[in-house]
Amino acid sequence: MRTLILTTLAMLAFAGNSLICRLALSSGSIDPGSFTAIRIISGAAMLALILYVHRMKVEGNSLSALPLVIYAVCFSFAYLQLTAATGALLLFAAVQVTMITHGLLHGERLRGQRLLGFLLAAAGMIYLLLPGLSQPPLLSSLLMLTAGIAWGVYSLRGRGVANPLAATAGSFIYVAFPAFVWLLLQDFATPGHGSASISIQGFGWAVLSGALASGIGYLLWYAALRSLASVTAAAVQLSVPPIAALGGVLLLGEVLTARLAISSAVILGGIALVVVQRKAAAGSGGDGGPLEDIGARV
């Protein structure tokens, strides 16, 4: 029961990042640059506090912090136009494809079920982005795909670290100071669109995204992973885009289009075929495959 509760809360936190970002930006209560900076700063503060309580040392390095910055910036600016559901799906798919492609480039092979799954996921992505009435905005879609690729690179750099929590905290802390400087100078860099455009509500959403959905979300997931088999850890994360879609409909008044529903089923089904086959071959010990890696880092 404890593991079930921890896992459920972690998945809600992951989906919550998409919902909070979309809500904050669509309401006009904060600009994407400020949201990104405050999210990073508050996430770094929360993770640093968690490390202090557990008497852990900060790890991580500036090279890992670079893809983190790219992810965070592209994530926020993409949500200026994307719905919560579409953004979560694009992000999730891009991360997994990036990590699967990395495996292929390093000697792994896709055959049978895994090949079918990869092709299905690719077909679903193409269908989602094809021109049409309900096609998501192309530039925002490309930004979210870039965010997913960056997070995939960040995840790959973190594979095999002894303490993923300390490494994640270190990366956030590396980025926190530049984010703080950007926040202070934003009025000069973008007149009329800097800190003056941050409302108390927008500031609160950004802090909630960084401290709660990111910082506490990571902590919950690390605790849950101790009791989850690898295949289970991989499978439960398939719930994140549907949770974001449901939250978008209930909380943001977004419409779940037929194109998004079909592409979601195809993409997530394809990724499931690849990952479940991978985990079945690896055994219950796992091998740090795509979905488990992203769970340990997102």
C-alpha atoms as a PDB file:
ATOM      1  CA  MET A   1       0.000   0.000   0.000  1.00  0.00           C
ATOM      2  CA  ARG A   2       2.849   2.382   0.844  1.00  0.00           C
ATOM      3  CA  THR A   3       4.487   1.779  -2.536  1.00  0.00           C
ATOM      4  CA  LEU A   4       1.162   2.206  -4.333  1.00  0.00           C
ATOM      5  CA  ILE A   5       0.549   5.548  -2.624  1.00  0.00           C
ATOM      6  CA  LEU A   6       4.083   6.796  -3.298  1.00  0.00           C
ATOM      7  CA  THR A   7       3.902   5.756  -6.958  1.00  0.00           C
ATOM      8  CA  THR A   8       0.496   7.350  -7.478  1.00  0.00           C
ATOM      9  CA  LEU A   9       1.619  10.628  -5.918  1.00  0.00           C
ATOM     10  CA  ALA A  10       4.800  10.646  -8.016  1.00  0.00           C
ATOM     11  CA  MET A  11       2.874  10.151 -11.266  1.00  0.00           C
ATOM     12  CA  LEU A  12       0.479  12.931 -10.263  1.00  0.00           C
ATOM     13  CA  ALA A  13       3.477  15.185  -9.617  1.00  0.00           C
ATOM     14  CA  PHE A  14       5.011  14.433 -13.023  1.00  0.00           C
ATOM     15  CA  ALA A  15       1.741  15.153 -14.813  1.00  0.00           C
ATOM     16  CA  GLY A  16       1.231  18.145 -12.537  1.00  0.00           C
ATOM     17  CA  ASN A  17       4.265  19.902 -13.998  1.00  0.00           C
ATOM     18  CA  SER A  18       2.564  20.025 -17.385  1.00  0.00           C
ATOM     19  CA  LEU A  19      -0.750  21.161 -15.919  1.00  0.00           C
ATOM     20  CA  ILE A  20       0.790  23.845 -13.699  1.00  0.00           C
ATOM     21  CA  CYS A  21       2.949  25.268 -16.459  1.00  0.00           C
ATOM     22  CA  ARG A  22       0.062  25.385 -18.916  1.00  0.00           C
ATOM     23  CA  LEU A  23      -2.254  26.938 -16.333  1.00  0.00           C
ATOM     24  CA  ALA A  24       0.256  29.603 -15.332  1.00  0.00           C
ATOM     25  CA  LEU A  25       1.088  30.638 -18.896  1.00  0.00           C
ATOM     26  CA  SER A  26      -2.424  30.463 -20.340  1.00  0.00           C
ATOM     27  CA  SER A  27      -3.711  32.719 -17.562  1.00  0.00           C
ATOM     28  CA  GLY A  28      -1.118  35.358 -18.398  1.00  0.00           C
ATOM     29  CA  SER A  29      -0.055  35.535 -14.767  1.00  0.00           C
ATOM     30  CA  ILE A  30       3.620  34.985 -15.614  1.00  0.00           C
ATOM     31  CA  ASP A  31       5.847  34.919 -18.675  1.00  0.00           C
ATOM     32  CA  PRO A  32       7.655  31.686 -19.681  1.00  0.00           C
ATOM     33  CA  GLY A  33      11.135  33.007 -18.917  1.00  0.00           C
ATOM     34  CA  SER A  34      10.228  33.998 -15.380  1.00  0.00           C
ATOM     35  CA  PHE A  35       8.326  30.752 -14.847  1.00  0.00           C
ATOM     36  CA  THR A  36      11.404  28.772 -15.880  1.00  0.00           C
ATOM     37  CA  ALA A  37      13.753  30.737 -13.626  1.00  0.00           C
ATOM     38  CA  ILE A  38      11.518  30.564 -10.557  1.00  0.00           C
ATOM     39  CA  ARG A  39      10.821  26.871 -11.149  1.00  0.00           C
ATOM     40  CA  ILE A  40      14.548  26.095 -11.264  1.00  0.00           C
ATOM     41  CA  ILE A  41      15.369  28.218  -8.207  1.00  0.00           C
ATOM     42  CA  SER A  42      12.562  26.770  -6.089  1.00  0.00           C
ATOM     43  CA  GLY A  43      13.357  23.238  -7.259  1.00  0.00           C
ATOM     44  CA  ALA A  44      17.019  23.724  -6.339  1.00  0.00           C
ATOM     45  CA  ALA A  45      16.030  25.062  -2.913  1.00  0.00           C
ATOM     46  CA  MET A  46      13.725  22.126  -2.215  1.00  0.00           C
ATOM     47  CA  LEU A  47      16.239  19.519  -3.388  1.00  0.00           C
ATOM     48  CA  ALA A  48      18.995  21.194  -1.356  1.00  0.00           C
ATOM     49  CA  LEU A  49      16.748  21.069   1.710  1.00  0.00           C
ATOM     50  CA  ILE A  50      16.040  17.374   1.118  1.00  0.00           C
ATOM     51  CA  LEU A  51      19.783  16.680   0.832  1.00  0.00           C
ATOM     52  CA  TYR A  52      20.446  18.611   4.031  1.00  0.00           C
ATOM     53  CA  VAL A  53      17.806  16.655   5.954  1.00  0.00           C
ATOM     54  CA  HIS A  54      19.273  13.352   4.734  1.00  0.00           C
ATOM     55  CA  ARG A  55      22.853  14.580   5.259  1.00  0.00           C
ATOM     56  CA  MET A  56      23.824  13.990   1.632  1.00  0.00           C
ATOM     57  CA  LYS A  57      26.436  15.876  -0.369  1.00  0.00           C
ATOM     58  CA  VAL A  58      25.618  17.686  -3.607  1.00  0.00           C
ATOM     59  CA  GLU A  59      26.846  15.966  -6.771  1.00  0.00           C
ATOM     60  CA  GLY A  60      26.390  16.738 -10.465  1.00  0.00           C
ATOM     61  CA  ASN A  61      28.342  18.923 -12.894  1.00  0.00           C
ATOM     62  CA  SER A  62      27.925  21.825 -15.280  1.00  0.00           C
ATOM     63  CA  LEU A  63      27.802  19.588 -18.384  1.00  0.00           C
ATOM     64  CA  SER A  64      24.724  17.825 -17.047  1.00  0.00           C
ATOM     65  CA  ALA A  65      23.214  21.186 -16.160  1.00  0.00           C
ATOM     66  CA  LEU A  66      23.265  22.335 -19.809  1.00  0.00           C
ATOM     67  CA  PRO A  67      20.617  19.915 -21.118  1.00  0.00           C
ATOM     68  CA  LEU A  68      18.609  20.675 -17.964  1.00  0.00           C
ATOM     69  CA  VAL A  69      18.519  24.361 -18.955  1.00  0.00           C
ATOM     70  CA  ILE A  70      17.520  23.537 -22.527  1.00  0.00           C
ATOM     71  CA  TYR A  71      14.750  21.267 -21.264  1.00  0.00           C
ATOM     72  CA  ALA A  72      13.352  23.794 -18.799  1.00  0.00           C
ATOM     73  CA  VAL A  73      13.365  26.743 -21.230  1.00  0.00           C
ATOM     74  CA  CYS A  74      11.864  24.840 -24.168  1.00  0.00           C
ATOM     75  CA  PHE A  75       9.288  23.208 -21.881  1.00  0.00           C
ATOM     76  CA  SER A  76       7.949  26.555 -20.678  1.00  0.00           C
ATOM     77  CA  PHE A  77       7.903  28.344 -24.029  1.00  0.00           C
ATOM     78  CA  ALA A  78       6.244  25.344 -25.725  1.00  0.00           C
ATOM     79  CA  TYR A  79       3.331  25.552 -23.289  1.00  0.00           C
ATOM     80  CA  LEU A  80       2.442  29.020 -24.514  1.00  0.00           C
ATOM     81  CA  GLN A  81       0.377  27.255 -27.194  1.00  0.00           C
ATOM     82  CA  LEU A  82       0.300  23.520 -26.512  1.00  0.00           C
ATOM     83  CA  THR A  83      -2.388  21.894 -24.391  1.00  0.00           C
ATOM     84  CA  ALA A  84      -1.253  20.042 -21.273  1.00  0.00           C
ATOM     85  CA  ALA A  85      -2.053  16.681 -22.867  1.00  0.00           C
ATOM     86  CA  THR A  86      -0.255  17.329 -26.160  1.00  0.00           C
ATOM     87  CA  GLY A  87       2.795  18.736 -24.390  1.00  0.00           C
ATOM     88  CA  ALA A  88       3.077  15.785 -22.016  1.00  0.00           C
ATOM     89  CA  LEU A  89       2.720  13.315 -24.883  1.00  0.00           C
ATOM     90  CA  LEU A  90       5.360  15.031 -27.042  1.00  0.00           C
ATOM     91  CA  LEU A  91       7.754  15.338 -24.109  1.00  0.00           C
ATOM     92  CA  PHE A  92       7.276  11.740 -22.983  1.00  0.00           C
ATOM     93  CA  ALA A  93       7.661  10.324 -26.502  1.00  0.00           C
ATOM     94  CA  ALA A  94      10.726  12.412 -27.340  1.00  0.00           C
ATOM     95  CA  VAL A  95      12.511  11.336 -24.162  1.00  0.00           C
ATOM     96  CA  GLN A  96      11.877   7.671 -24.837  1.00  0.00           C
ATOM     97  CA  VAL A  97      12.808   7.840 -28.530  1.00  0.00           C
ATOM     98  CA  THR A  98      16.021   9.675 -27.618  1.00  0.00           C
ATOM     99  CA  MET A  99      17.009   7.019 -25.114  1.00  0.00           C
ATOM    100  CA  ILE A 100      16.016   4.123 -27.348  1.00  0.00           C
ATOM    101  CA  THR A 101      17.965   5.659 -30.248  1.00  0.00           C
ATOM    102  CA  HIS A 102      20.984   6.006 -27.975  1.00  0.00           C
ATOM    103  CA  GLY A 103      20.750   2.294 -27.265  1.00  0.00           C
ATOM    104  CA  LEU A 104      20.606   1.505 -30.977  1.00  0.00           C
ATOM    105  CA  LEU A 105      23.686   3.616 -31.635  1.00  0.00           C
ATOM    106  CA  HIS A 106      25.520   1.689 -28.943  1.00  0.00           C
ATOM    107  CA  GLY A 107      24.901  -1.796 -30.222  1.00  0.00           C
ATOM    108  CA  GLU A 108      21.351  -2.627 -29.139  1.00  0.00           C
ATOM    109  CA  ARG A 109      19.032  -4.118 -31.746  1.00  0.00           C
ATOM    110  CA  LEU A 110      15.309  -3.826 -32.320  1.00  0.00           C
ATOM    111  CA  ARG A 111      13.715  -7.039 -33.517  1.00  0.00           C
ATOM    112  CA  GLY A 112      10.242  -8.494 -33.494  1.00  0.00           C
ATOM    113  CA  GLN A 113       8.031  -6.882 -30.869  1.00  0.00           C
ATOM    114  CA  ARG A 114      10.489  -4.099 -30.078  1.00  0.00           C
ATOM    115  CA  LEU A 115      10.846  -3.121 -33.754  1.00  0.00           C
ATOM    116  CA  LEU A 116       7.069  -3.112 -34.162  1.00  0.00           C
ATOM    117  CA  GLY A 117       6.712  -0.950 -31.062  1.00  0.00           C
ATOM    118  CA  PHE A 118       9.309   1.573 -32.255  1.00  0.00           C
ATOM    119  CA  LEU A 119       7.648   1.864 -35.668  1.00  0.00           C
ATOM    120  CA  LEU A 120       4.232   2.287 -34.045  1.00  0.00           C
ATOM    121  CA  ALA A 121       5.518   5.074 -31.820  1.00  0.00           C
ATOM    122  CA  ALA A 122       7.110   6.832 -34.797  1.00  0.00           C
ATOM    123  CA  ALA A 123       3.903   6.492 -36.827  1.00  0.00           C
ATOM    124  CA  GLY A 124       1.846   7.929 -33.970  1.00  0.00           C
ATOM    125  CA  MET A 125       4.157  10.928 -33.711  1.00  0.00           C
ATOM    126  CA  ILE A 126       3.998  11.561 -37.461  1.00  0.00           C
ATOM    127  CA  TYR A 127       0.205  11.337 -37.378  1.00  0.00           C
ATOM    128  CA  LEU A 128       0.008  13.823 -34.494  1.00  0.00           C
ATOM    129  CA  LEU A 129       2.165  16.394 -36.304  1.00  0.00           C
ATOM    130  CA  LEU A 130       0.719  15.993 -39.824  1.00  0.00           C
ATOM    131  CA  PRO A 131      -0.972  19.156 -41.134  1.00  0.00           C
ATOM    132  CA  GLY A 132      -4.657  19.202 -40.356  1.00  0.00           C
ATOM    133  CA  LEU A 133      -7.447  20.872 -38.458  1.00  0.00           C
ATOM    134  CA  SER A 134      -6.349  19.683 -35.009  1.00  0.00           C
ATOM    135  CA  GLN A 135      -2.603  19.704 -35.587  1.00  0.00           C
ATOM    136  CA  PRO A 136      -0.727  21.253 -32.637  1.00  0.00           C
ATOM    137  CA  PRO A 137       1.282  24.436 -33.445  1.00  0.00           C
ATOM    138  CA  LEU A 138       4.466  23.356 -35.197  1.00  0.00           C
ATOM    139  CA  LEU A 139       6.929  25.696 -33.463  1.00  0.00           C
ATOM    140  CA  SER A 140       5.614  24.834 -29.997  1.00  0.00           C
ATOM    141  CA  SER A 141       5.670  21.144 -30.896  1.00  0.00           C
ATOM    142  CA  LEU A 142       9.300  21.402 -32.006  1.00  0.00           C
ATOM    143  CA  LEU A 143      10.168  23.209 -28.766  1.00  0.00           C
ATOM    144  CA  MET A 144       8.595  20.433 -26.699  1.00  0.00           C
ATOM    145  CA  LEU A 145      10.328  17.758 -28.752  1.00  0.00           C
ATOM    146  CA  THR A 146      13.603  19.609 -28.151  1.00  0.00           C
ATOM    147  CA  ALA A 147      12.796  19.661 -24.436  1.00  0.00           C
ATOM    148  CA  GLY A 148      12.255  15.899 -24.537  1.00  0.00           C
ATOM    149  CA  ILE A 149      15.513  15.292 -26.390  1.00  0.00           C
ATOM    150  CA  ALA A 150      17.380  17.475 -23.895  1.00  0.00           C
ATOM    151  CA  TRP A 151      15.834  15.623 -20.954  1.00  0.00           C
ATOM    152  CA  GLY A 152      16.714  12.324 -22.596  1.00  0.00           C
ATOM    153  CA  VAL A 153      20.346  13.449 -22.903  1.00  0.00           C
ATOM    154  CA  TYR A 154      20.275  14.623 -19.287  1.00  0.00           C
ATOM    155  CA  SER A 155      18.886  11.246 -18.216  1.00  0.00           C
ATOM    156  CA  LEU A 156      21.511   9.359 -20.189  1.00  0.00           C
ATOM    157  CA  ARG A 157      24.279  11.389 -18.560  1.00  0.00           C
ATOM    158  CA  GLY A 158      22.883  10.364 -15.185  1.00  0.00           C
ATOM    159  CA  ARG A 159      22.798   6.628 -15.821  1.00  0.00           C
ATOM    160  CA  GLY A 160      24.763   4.694 -13.248  1.00  0.00           C
ATOM    161  CA  VAL A 161      25.281   7.554 -10.790  1.00  0.00           C
ATOM    162  CA  ALA A 162      25.507   6.335  -7.213  1.00  0.00           C
ATOM    163  CA  ASN A 163      23.027   8.889  -5.889  1.00  0.00           C
ATOM    164  CA  PRO A 164      20.585  10.202  -8.523  1.00  0.00           C
ATOM    165  CA  LEU A 165      18.906  12.512  -6.006  1.00  0.00           C
ATOM    166  CA  ALA A 166      22.203  14.221  -5.130  1.00  0.00           C
ATOM    167  CA  ALA A 167      23.157  14.438  -8.815  1.00  0.00           C
ATOM    168  CA  THR A 168      19.804  15.963  -9.773  1.00  0.00           C
ATOM    169  CA  ALA A 169      20.063  18.448  -6.920  1.00  0.00           C
ATOM    170  CA  GLY A 170      23.564  19.369  -8.049  1.00  0.00           C
ATOM    171  CA  SER A 171      22.418  20.077 -11.592  1.00  0.00           C
ATOM    172  CA  PHE A 172      19.547  22.247 -10.356  1.00  0.00           C
ATOM    173  CA  ILE A 173      21.883  24.161  -8.038  1.00  0.00           C
ATOM    174  CA  TYR A 174      24.361  24.772 -10.881  1.00  0.00           C
ATOM    175  CA  VAL A 175      21.551  26.347 -12.895  1.00  0.00           C
ATOM    176  CA  ALA A 176      19.914  28.233 -10.011  1.00  0.00           C
ATOM    177  CA  PHE A 177      22.377  31.146  -9.897  1.00  0.00           C
ATOM    178  CA  PRO A 178      22.170  31.950 -13.647  1.00  0.00           C
ATOM    179  CA  ALA A 179      18.383  31.644 -13.355  1.00  0.00           C
ATOM    180  CA  PHE A 180      18.408  34.142 -10.491  1.00  0.00           C
ATOM    181  CA  VAL A 181      20.562  36.577 -12.485  1.00  0.00           C
ATOM    182  CA  TRP A 182      18.248  36.235 -15.473  1.00  0.00           C
ATOM    183  CA  LEU A 183      15.258  36.976 -13.278  1.00  0.00           C
ATOM    184  CA  LEU A 184      16.899  40.170 -11.997  1.00  0.00           C
ATOM    185  CA  LEU A 185      17.986  41.374 -15.442  1.00  0.00           C
ATOM    186  CA  GLN A 186      14.900  40.344 -17.377  1.00  0.00           C
ATOM    187  CA  ASP A 187      13.357  43.811 -17.375  1.00  0.00           C
ATOM    188  CA  PHE A 188      16.437  45.111 -19.152  1.00  0.00           C
ATOM    189  CA  ALA A 189      16.607  42.176 -21.577  1.00  0.00           C
ATOM    190  CA  THR A 190      12.907  42.206 -22.500  1.00  0.00           C
ATOM    191  CA  PRO A 191      11.336  45.570 -21.617  1.00  0.00           C
ATOM    192  CA  GLY A 192       7.717  45.218 -20.608  1.00  0.00           C
ATOM    193  CA  HIS A 193       7.910  41.440 -20.318  1.00  0.00           C
ATOM    194  CA  GLY A 194      10.125  40.950 -17.291  1.00  0.00           C
ATOM    195  CA  SER A 195       9.438  40.759 -13.593  1.00  0.00           C
ATOM    196  CA  ALA A 196       6.689  43.373 -13.877  1.00  0.00           C
ATOM    197  CA  SER A 197       4.570  40.745 -15.639  1.00  0.00           C
ATOM    198  CA  ILE A 198       4.799  38.315 -12.714  1.00  0.00           C
ATOM    199  CA  SER A 199       1.680  38.289 -10.583  1.00  0.00           C
ATOM    200  CA  ILE A 200       1.542  36.756  -7.130  1.00  0.00           C
ATOM    201  CA  GLN A 201      -0.510  33.920  -8.623  1.00  0.00           C
ATOM    202  CA  GLY A 202       2.030  33.305 -11.375  1.00  0.00           C
ATOM    203  CA  PHE A 203       4.885  33.326  -8.878  1.00  0.00           C
ATOM    204  CA  GLY A 204       3.002  30.790  -6.773  1.00  0.00           C
ATOM    205  CA  TRP A 205       2.420  28.463  -9.743  1.00  0.00           C
ATOM    206  CA  ALA A 206       6.144  28.539 -10.601  1.00  0.00           C
ATOM    207  CA  VAL A 207       7.170  27.783  -7.015  1.00  0.00           C
ATOM    208  CA  LEU A 208       4.607  24.976  -6.877  1.00  0.00           C
ATOM    209  CA  SER A 209       6.014  23.476 -10.077  1.00  0.00           C
ATOM    210  CA  GLY A 210       9.613  23.657  -8.886  1.00  0.00           C
ATOM    211  CA  ALA A 211       9.348  22.847  -5.194  1.00  0.00           C
ATOM    212  CA  LEU A 212       6.408  20.442  -5.132  1.00  0.00           C
ATOM    213  CA  ALA A 213       5.891  18.856  -8.560  1.00  0.00           C
ATOM    214  CA  SER A 214       9.646  18.622  -9.200  1.00  0.00           C
ATOM    215  CA  GLY A 215      11.447  18.515  -5.825  1.00  0.00           C
ATOM    216  CA  ILE A 216       8.927  16.494  -3.801  1.00  0.00           C
ATOM    217  CA  GLY A 217       7.921  14.515  -6.892  1.00  0.00           C
ATOM    218  CA  TYR A 218      11.498  13.256  -7.285  1.00  0.00           C
ATOM    219  CA  LEU A 219      11.697  12.286  -3.625  1.00  0.00           C
ATOM    220  CA  LEU A 220       8.444  10.302  -3.801  1.00  0.00           C
ATOM    221  CA  TRP A 221       9.576   8.478  -6.925  1.00  0.00           C
ATOM    222  CA  TYR A 222      12.960   7.535  -5.463  1.00  0.00           C
ATOM    223  CA  ALA A 223      11.189   6.104  -2.418  1.00  0.00           C
ATOM    224  CA  ALA A 224       8.758   4.129  -4.592  1.00  0.00           C
ATOM    225  CA  LEU A 225      11.506   2.720  -6.837  1.00  0.00           C
ATOM    226  CA  ARG A 226      12.987   0.810  -3.910  1.00  0.00           C
ATOM    227  CA  SER A 227       9.974  -1.528  -3.923  1.00  0.00           C
ATOM    228  CA  LEU A 228       9.079  -1.608  -7.633  1.00  0.00           C
ATOM    229  CA  ALA A 229      10.192  -4.263 -10.084  1.00  0.00           C
ATOM    230  CA  SER A 230      11.797  -2.820 -13.199  1.00  0.00           C
ATOM    231  CA  VAL A 231       8.942  -3.724 -15.529  1.00  0.00           C
ATOM    232  CA  THR A 232       6.446  -2.196 -13.093  1.00  0.00           C
ATOM    233  CA  ALA A 233       8.462   1.004 -12.816  1.00  0.00           C
ATOM    234  CA  ALA A 234       8.508   1.210 -16.601  1.00  0.00           C
ATOM    235  CA  ALA A 235       4.822   0.511 -17.074  1.00  0.00           C
ATOM    236  CA  VAL A 236       3.401   2.896 -14.473  1.00  0.00           C
ATOM    237  CA  GLN A 237       4.984   5.880 -16.201  1.00  0.00           C
ATOM    238  CA  LEU A 238       2.793   5.254 -19.225  1.00  0.00           C
ATOM    239  CA  SER A 239       0.084   6.790 -17.076  1.00  0.00           C
ATOM    240  CA  VAL A 240       1.623  10.290 -17.084  1.00  0.00           C
ATOM    241  CA  PRO A 241       0.320  11.596 -20.445  1.00  0.00           C
ATOM    242  CA  PRO A 242      -3.229  10.249 -19.864  1.00  0.00           C
ATOM    243  CA  ILE A 243      -3.248  11.842 -16.395  1.00  0.00           C
ATOM    244  CA  ALA A 244      -2.164  15.145 -17.948  1.00  0.00           C
ATOM    245  CA  ALA A 245      -4.871  14.787 -20.603  1.00  0.00           C
ATOM    246  CA  LEU A 246      -7.553  14.136 -17.987  1.00  0.00           C
ATOM    247  CA  GLY A 247      -6.318  17.025 -15.869  1.00  0.00           C
ATOM    248  CA  GLY A 248      -6.338  19.309 -18.889  1.00  0.00           C
ATOM    249  CA  VAL A 249      -9.966  18.446 -19.621  1.00  0.00           C
ATOM    250  CA  LEU A 250     -11.159  18.734 -16.008  1.00  0.00           C
ATOM    251  CA  LEU A 251      -9.071  21.655 -14.769  1.00  0.00           C
ATOM    252  CA  LEU A 252      -8.203  23.698 -17.843  1.00  0.00           C
ATOM    253  CA  GLY A 253     -11.230  23.127 -20.039  1.00  0.00           C
ATOM    254  CA  GLU A 254      -9.126  21.614 -22.811  1.00  0.00           C
ATOM    255  CA  VAL A 255     -10.704  19.456 -25.507  1.00  0.00           C
ATOM    256  CA  LEU A 256      -9.461  15.907 -26.049  1.00  0.00           C
ATOM    257  CA  THR A 257      -9.434  15.670 -29.844  1.00  0.00           C
ATOM    258  CA  ALA A 258      -9.731  12.444 -31.805  1.00  0.00           C
ATOM    259  CA  ARG A 259      -6.284  13.014 -33.303  1.00  0.00           C
ATOM    260  CA  LEU A 260      -4.688  13.337 -29.864  1.00  0.00           C
ATOM    261  CA  ALA A 261      -6.545  10.302 -28.485  1.00  0.00           C
ATOM    262  CA  ILE A 262      -5.542   8.082 -31.418  1.00  0.00           C
ATOM    263  CA  SER A 263      -1.931   9.268 -31.529  1.00  0.00           C
ATOM    264  CA  SER A 264      -1.630   8.872 -27.747  1.00  0.00           C
ATOM    265  CA  ALA A 265      -2.805   5.268 -27.910  1.00  0.00           C
ATOM    266  CA  VAL A 266      -0.454   4.440 -30.785  1.00  0.00           C
ATOM    267  CA  ILE A 267       2.620   6.201 -29.335  1.00  0.00           C
ATOM    268  CA  LEU A 268       2.234   4.915 -25.796  1.00  0.00           C
ATOM    269  CA  GLY A 269       1.337   1.433 -27.013  1.00  0.00           C
ATOM    270  CA  GLY A 270       4.429   1.364 -29.210  1.00  0.00           C
ATOM    271  CA  ILE A 271       6.705   2.523 -26.404  1.00  0.00           C
ATOM    272  CA  ALA A 272       5.151  -0.077 -24.102  1.00  0.00           C
ATOM    273  CA  LEU A 273       5.981  -2.845 -26.596  1.00  0.00           C
ATOM    274  CA  VAL A 274       9.614  -1.724 -26.742  1.00  0.00           C
ATOM    275  CA  VAL A 275      10.097  -1.255 -23.004  1.00  0.00           C
ATOM    276  CA  VAL A 276       8.195  -4.291 -21.727  1.00  0.00           C
ATOM    277  CA  GLN A 277      10.084  -6.523 -24.138  1.00  0.00           C
ATOM    278  CA  ARG A 278      13.344  -4.934 -22.983  1.00  0.00           C
ATOM    279  CA  LYS A 279      12.527  -5.474 -19.330  1.00  0.00           C
ATOM    280  CA  ALA A 280      11.335  -9.031 -19.890  1.00  0.00           C
ATOM    281  CA  ALA A 281      14.667  -9.838 -21.505  1.00  0.00           C
ATOM    282  CA  ALA A 282      16.650  -8.110 -18.777  1.00  0.00           C
ATOM    283  CA  GLY A 283      14.860  -9.773 -15.867  1.00  0.00           C
ATOM    284  CA  SER A 284      13.564  -8.252 -12.667  1.00  0.00           C
ATOM    285  CA  GLY A 285      16.905  -6.603 -11.916  1.00  0.00           C
ATOM    286  CA  GLY A 286      16.472  -4.287 -14.894  1.00  0.00           C
ATOM    287  CA  ASP A 287      19.167  -2.532 -16.869  1.00  0.00           C
ATOM    288  CA  GLY A 288      18.318   1.110 -16.483  1.00  0.00           C
ATOM    289  CA  GLY A 289      16.195   1.114 -19.644  1.00  0.00           C
ATOM    290  CA  PRO A 290      14.442   4.172 -21.057  1.00  0.00           C
ATOM    291  CA  LEU A 291      11.361   4.358 -18.889  1.00  0.00           C
ATOM    292  CA  GLU A 292      13.093   3.467 -15.680  1.00  0.00           C
ATOM    293  CA  ASP A 293      15.792   6.038 -16.384  1.00  0.00           C
ATOM    294  CA  ILE A 294      13.362   8.824 -17.006  1.00  0.00           C
ATOM    295  CA  GLY A 295      11.503   7.927 -13.840  1.00  0.00           C
ATOM    296  CA  ALA A 296      14.678   8.311 -11.886  1.00  0.00           C
ATOM    297  CA  ARG A 297      15.426  11.703 -13.358  1.00  0.00           C
ATOM    298  CA  VAL A 298      12.208  13.511 -14.307  1.00  0.00           C
END
